Amino acid sequence: MELFTCPLCFQALTRINRSLKCARNHSYDLAREGYVNLLTAQHRRSKAPGDNPEMIAARGRFLDAGYYRPLAEALCAAVTTGGTAQALADLGCGEGYFTQLLSDRLPTVYGVDISRPAIRAATRRSKSVCYAVASTTRLPLIDQGFDAVTVVMAPFSADVARILKPGGRMYRVSAGPDHLNQLKQQIYAQARTHDRALEELAQFALTNSHRLTFEFTIYGSDLTDLIAMTPMRYTSARHQREQVSQLDHLVLTADFYLDIFELAVSP
């Protein structure tokens, strides 16, 4: 069953050969890599929204080096505990590192990101995931089609409640206060800590929260990649970034919150 919907009329899409079509005959061709572009003009704030190819490549190299593998394992363990999740949507999936690992453990996984370069990279990682270039403001996914949603260091909207089944869960990863503090101290005169991302979410109840903190040693060019994949790329001076990139290694603290929300069941 196809779980994508038409971004224009919101009707279900059906795959016909290399295209997805709705009852109103809106049609979306599958790219050569296998993903579909469901980002309409009204949801596009620029010609190339989302992360650019350089950021995507940097994040892919960093993640493939295994620095955040403990986070990936914790996320996969949380999602698969109890064995109830069958269909999952990874929102703001980026280049698909976490999406791929989740797809190794679940039968149906969809990935959505507004960046076309990100989705292209994600599709190269895994052919078993259904990927779409799309906005997370109004997700092109069917109502109540998913048991679980993951949001890893990415934005999302209230529309996530619509695509979840009653009692479905959202697993959100956000930065903890000590995240990459040693790197920020190398770059900024005054390093700021991350604020706790725990706004109230309508229709959701926070059922569990885990804090995952671990240290890792990062070497050489991986430091450059780490800076390139974070907001530090835009909020620091070039000479500061160059000084850090010349370090042989740096011991860093990774600090994350994994919050689990459950969608309220309607009476």
Protein backbone atom coordinates (compact mmCIF):
# COMPACT_ATOMS: atom_id res chain seq x y z
CA MET A 1 0.00 0.00 0.00
CA GLU A 2 1.33 3.44 -0.96
CA LEU A 3 1.38 5.82 2.02
CA PHE A 4 2.15 9.00 0.07
CA THR A 5 -0.58 11.53 -0.73
CA CYS A 6 -0.86 14.19 -3.39
CA PRO A 7 0.49 17.53 -2.08
CA LEU A 8 -2.11 19.42 -4.16
CA CYS A 9 -5.39 17.66 -3.36
CA PHE A 10 -4.25 15.39 -0.47
CA GLN A 11 -5.72 12.25 -2.04
CA ALA A 12 -3.89 8.96 -1.91
CA LEU A 13 -1.27 8.28 -4.55
CA THR A 14 -1.06 5.04 -6.49
CA ARG A 15 2.09 3.84 -8.18
CA ILE A 16 1.73 3.25 -11.91
CA ASN A 17 4.99 2.17 -13.51
CA ARG A 18 7.49 4.96 -12.72
CA SER A 19 4.91 7.51 -11.52
CA LEU A 20 2.64 8.18 -8.55
CA LYS A 21 -0.85 9.35 -9.48
CA CYS A 22 -3.96 10.43 -7.54
CA ALA A 23 -7.66 10.16 -8.46
CA ARG A 24 -7.56 13.71 -9.87
CA ASN A 25 -4.77 12.64 -12.20
CA HIS A 26 -2.02 14.70 -10.61
CA SER A 27 1.15 12.81 -11.47
CA TYR A 28 4.65 12.70 -9.94
CA ASP A 29 7.46 10.86 -11.66
CA LEU A 30 9.94 8.81 -9.68
CA ALA A 31 13.51 10.04 -10.05
CA ARG A 32 16.15 7.72 -11.47
CA GLU A 33 17.40 7.13 -7.91
CA GLY A 34 13.92 6.04 -6.80
CA TYR A 35 12.62 8.97 -4.73
CA VAL A 36 9.66 11.22 -5.56
CA ASN A 37 9.55 15.02 -5.44
CA LEU A 38 6.35 16.14 -3.67
CA LEU A 39 7.52 19.66 -2.82
CA THR A 40 5.09 22.13 -4.34
CA ALA A 41 5.91 25.74 -5.19
CA GLN A 42 3.88 27.15 -2.29
CA HIS A 43 5.97 25.17 0.20
CA ARG A 44 9.27 26.22 -1.34
CA ARG A 45 10.78 29.37 0.17
CA SER A 46 13.81 29.30 -2.12
CA LYS A 47 14.93 27.61 -5.31
CA ALA A 48 16.99 25.09 -3.34
CA PRO A 49 15.53 24.78 0.19
CA GLY A 50 17.13 22.79 2.97
CA ASP A 51 20.72 21.64 3.37
CA ASN A 52 23.03 22.06 0.40
CA PRO A 53 25.20 19.28 -1.12
CA GLU A 54 28.30 20.33 0.82
CA MET A 55 26.52 20.07 4.16
CA ILE A 56 24.95 16.75 3.20
CA ALA A 57 28.31 15.29 2.17
CA ALA A 58 29.98 16.50 5.37
CA ARG A 59 27.26 15.00 7.57
CA GLY A 60 27.40 11.71 5.68
CA ARG A 61 31.16 11.38 6.18
CA PHE A 62 30.90 12.29 9.87
CA LEU A 63 28.07 9.87 10.61
CA ASP A 64 29.65 7.05 8.60
CA ALA A 65 32.75 7.42 10.78
CA GLY A 66 30.59 6.13 13.66
CA TYR A 67 30.79 9.09 16.04
CA TYR A 68 27.02 9.07 16.70
CA ARG A 69 26.56 5.32 16.58
CA PRO A 70 25.54 5.19 20.30
CA LEU A 71 22.70 7.59 19.52
CA ALA A 72 21.61 5.53 16.53
CA GLU A 73 21.54 2.33 18.60
CA ALA A 74 19.58 4.02 21.41
CA LEU A 75 17.02 5.36 18.94
CA CYS A 76 16.58 2.00 17.21
CA ALA A 77 16.23 0.21 20.54
CA ALA A 78 13.58 2.67 21.74
CA VAL A 79 11.54 2.40 18.53
CA THR A 80 11.63 -1.39 18.38
CA THR A 81 10.97 -2.06 22.08
CA GLY A 82 7.76 -4.07 22.31
CA GLY A 83 7.73 -4.80 18.58
CA THR A 84 4.58 -2.75 17.92
CA ALA A 85 5.93 -0.34 15.27
CA GLN A 86 5.36 -1.60 11.73
CA ALA A 87 5.29 1.61 9.68
CA LEU A 88 7.56 4.53 10.56
CA ALA A 89 8.13 7.98 9.06
CA ASP A 90 11.49 9.68 9.57
CA LEU A 91 10.85 13.44 9.28
CA GLY A 92 13.74 15.68 8.31
CA CYS A 93 15.65 12.50 7.51
CA GLY A 94 18.60 14.27 5.89
CA GLU A 95 21.07 11.98 4.14
CA GLY A 96 19.38 8.91 5.66
CA TYR A 97 21.92 7.58 8.16
CA PHE A 98 19.38 6.99 10.93
CA THR A 99 16.65 6.10 8.42
CA GLN A 100 18.71 3.27 7.00
CA LEU A 101 19.40 1.76 10.42
CA LEU A 102 15.71 1.97 11.31
CA SER A 103 14.77 0.29 8.02
CA ASP A 104 17.01 -2.65 8.92
CA ARG A 105 14.70 -3.30 11.88
CA LEU A 106 11.24 -2.34 10.62
CA PRO A 107 9.17 -3.58 7.66
CA THR A 108 7.98 -0.18 6.37
CA VAL A 109 9.97 3.06 6.59
CA TYR A 110 9.35 6.39 4.83
CA GLY A 111 11.77 9.31 4.79
CA VAL A 112 10.90 12.96 4.15
CA ASP A 113 13.20 15.97 3.81
CA ILE A 114 12.88 19.34 2.11
CA SER A 115 16.40 19.11 0.66
CA ARG A 116 16.65 17.35 -2.68
CA PRO A 117 20.41 16.71 -2.29
CA ALA A 118 19.67 15.09 1.07
CA ILE A 119 17.04 12.75 -0.37
CA ARG A 120 19.30 11.85 -3.28
CA ALA A 121 22.04 10.86 -0.81
CA ALA A 122 19.54 8.97 1.36
CA THR A 123 18.26 6.97 -1.59
CA ARG A 124 21.79 5.85 -2.37
CA ARG A 125 22.04 4.48 1.17
CA SER A 126 18.93 2.33 1.09
CA LYS A 127 16.56 1.19 -1.65
CA SER A 128 14.11 -0.28 0.86
CA VAL A 129 13.03 3.13 2.21
CA CYS A 130 10.35 5.17 0.43
CA TYR A 131 11.80 8.67 0.13
CA ALA A 132 10.20 11.98 -0.82
CA VAL A 133 11.35 15.56 -1.16
CA ALA A 134 8.62 17.39 0.76
CA SER A 135 7.79 19.95 3.40
CA THR A 136 7.12 18.83 6.96
CA THR A 137 4.55 21.62 7.39
CA ARG A 138 1.91 19.65 5.49
CA LEU A 139 3.23 16.12 5.12
CA PRO A 140 2.30 14.26 1.91
CA LEU A 141 1.49 11.15 3.95
CA ILE A 142 -1.86 9.47 4.56
CA ASP A 143 -3.95 10.04 7.68
CA GLN A 144 -3.24 7.57 10.48
CA GLY A 145 -0.85 5.58 8.32
CA PHE A 146 2.06 5.26 10.74
CA ASP A 147 2.72 3.64 14.09
CA ALA A 148 5.77 5.80 14.80
CA VAL A 149 7.53 8.96 13.74
CA THR A 150 11.17 9.90 14.35
CA VAL A 151 12.52 13.46 14.37
CA VAL A 152 16.29 13.59 14.82
CA MET A 153 17.64 17.10 15.33
CA ALA A 154 15.14 18.40 12.80
CA PRO A 155 12.08 20.69 12.66
CA PHE A 156 8.54 19.34 12.53
CA SER A 157 4.99 20.65 12.68
CA ALA A 158 1.69 19.80 14.35
CA ASP A 159 0.78 17.86 11.20
CA VAL A 160 2.67 14.90 12.64
CA ALA A 161 -0.41 14.08 14.76
CA ARG A 162 -2.51 13.56 11.62
CA ILE A 163 -0.30 10.84 10.13
CA LEU A 164 -0.01 8.81 13.34
CA LYS A 165 -2.41 6.07 14.33
CA PRO A 166 -4.19 6.52 17.69
CA GLY A 167 -1.65 5.67 20.36
CA GLY A 168 1.19 6.14 17.88
CA ARG A 169 4.51 7.46 19.13
CA MET A 170 6.89 10.22 18.18
CA TYR A 171 10.58 9.79 19.04
CA ARG A 172 12.32 13.16 19.09
CA VAL A 173 16.07 13.64 19.46
CA SER A 174 17.30 17.09 20.51
CA ALA A 175 20.58 18.48 21.81
CA GLY A 176 21.35 18.49 25.53
CA PRO A 177 23.01 21.41 27.32
CA ASP A 178 26.54 19.98 27.08
CA HIS A 179 26.39 19.00 23.41
CA LEU A 180 29.72 19.72 21.68
CA ASN A 181 30.67 22.24 24.37
CA GLN A 182 34.41 21.67 23.90
CA LEU A 183 34.12 22.52 20.20
CA LYS A 184 32.05 25.63 20.89
CA GLN A 185 34.65 26.79 23.42
CA GLN A 186 37.28 26.54 20.70
CA ILE A 187 35.22 28.72 18.36
CA TYR A 188 33.27 31.23 20.44
CA ALA A 189 34.40 33.69 23.11
CA GLN A 190 31.25 32.77 25.07
CA ALA A 191 29.84 29.34 24.34
CA ARG A 192 26.09 29.07 24.85
CA THR A 193 24.38 25.92 26.08
CA HIS A 194 21.39 24.43 24.30
CA ASP A 195 17.96 25.17 25.73
CA ARG A 196 15.83 22.17 26.61
CA ALA A 197 13.40 21.49 23.74
CA LEU A 198 10.29 20.51 25.64
CA GLU A 199 7.45 22.67 24.37
CA GLU A 200 3.95 21.33 24.97
CA LEU A 201 2.62 19.42 21.99
CA ALA A 202 -1.12 19.39 21.42
CA GLN A 203 -2.59 15.87 21.34
CA PHE A 204 0.64 14.34 22.68
CA ALA A 205 1.72 13.19 26.12
CA LEU A 206 5.39 12.85 27.07
CA THR A 207 5.68 9.22 28.20
CA ASN A 208 9.43 8.88 28.60
CA SER A 209 12.61 10.88 28.34
CA HIS A 210 16.18 9.62 28.16
CA ARG A 211 19.37 11.65 28.30
CA LEU A 212 22.26 10.09 26.40
CA THR A 213 25.73 11.50 27.03
CA PHE A 214 29.00 10.07 25.77
CA GLU A 215 32.49 11.24 24.83
CA PHE A 216 34.28 10.65 21.57
CA THR A 217 37.61 11.66 20.08
CA ILE A 218 37.42 13.25 16.66
CA TYR A 219 40.36 13.48 14.32
CA GLY A 220 41.64 15.65 11.46
CA SER A 221 39.27 16.46 8.62
CA ASP A 222 36.30 15.04 10.54
CA LEU A 223 36.42 18.22 12.63
CA THR A 224 35.89 20.26 9.49
CA ASP A 225 32.95 18.05 8.54
CA LEU A 226 31.39 18.41 11.99
CA ILE A 227 31.51 22.20 11.80
CA ALA A 228 30.15 22.15 8.23
CA MET A 229 27.09 20.11 9.25
CA THR A 230 26.09 22.34 12.20
CA PRO A 231 24.93 25.97 12.58
CA MET A 232 28.53 26.79 13.60
CA ARG A 233 29.23 26.92 9.88
CA TYR A 234 27.22 30.16 9.72
CA THR A 235 27.74 31.61 13.21
CA SER A 236 31.54 31.52 13.40
CA ALA A 237 34.32 33.38 11.61
CA ARG A 238 36.33 31.61 8.92
CA HIS A 239 39.62 32.02 10.75
CA GLN A 240 38.11 30.41 13.87
CA ARG A 241 36.93 27.41 11.87
CA GLU A 242 40.31 27.09 10.18
CA GLN A 243 42.14 27.12 13.50
CA VAL A 244 39.97 24.31 14.83
CA SER A 245 40.31 22.26 11.65
CA GLN A 246 44.10 22.28 12.11
CA LEU A 247 43.87 20.49 15.46
CA ASP A 248 45.14 16.91 15.40
CA HIS A 249 42.24 15.72 17.52
CA LEU A 250 39.66 16.90 20.02
CA VAL A 251 37.72 15.11 22.76
CA LEU A 252 34.05 16.07 22.56
CA THR A 253 30.92 15.43 24.59
CA ALA A 254 27.81 14.31 22.75
CA ASP A 255 24.71 15.16 24.76
CA PHE A 256 21.21 14.27 23.54
CA TYR A 257 17.66 14.00 24.81
CA LEU A 258 15.49 11.23 23.41
CA ASP A 259 11.90 12.16 24.23
CA ILE A 260 9.06 9.76 23.55
CA PHE A 261 5.58 11.21 23.00
CA GLU A 262 2.36 9.25 22.61
CA LEU A 263 -0.60 10.44 20.59
CA ALA A 264 -3.75 10.57 22.70
CA VAL A 265 -6.46 8.07 21.78
CA SER A 266 -9.73 9.81 20.95
CA PRO A 267 -12.59 8.84 23.28
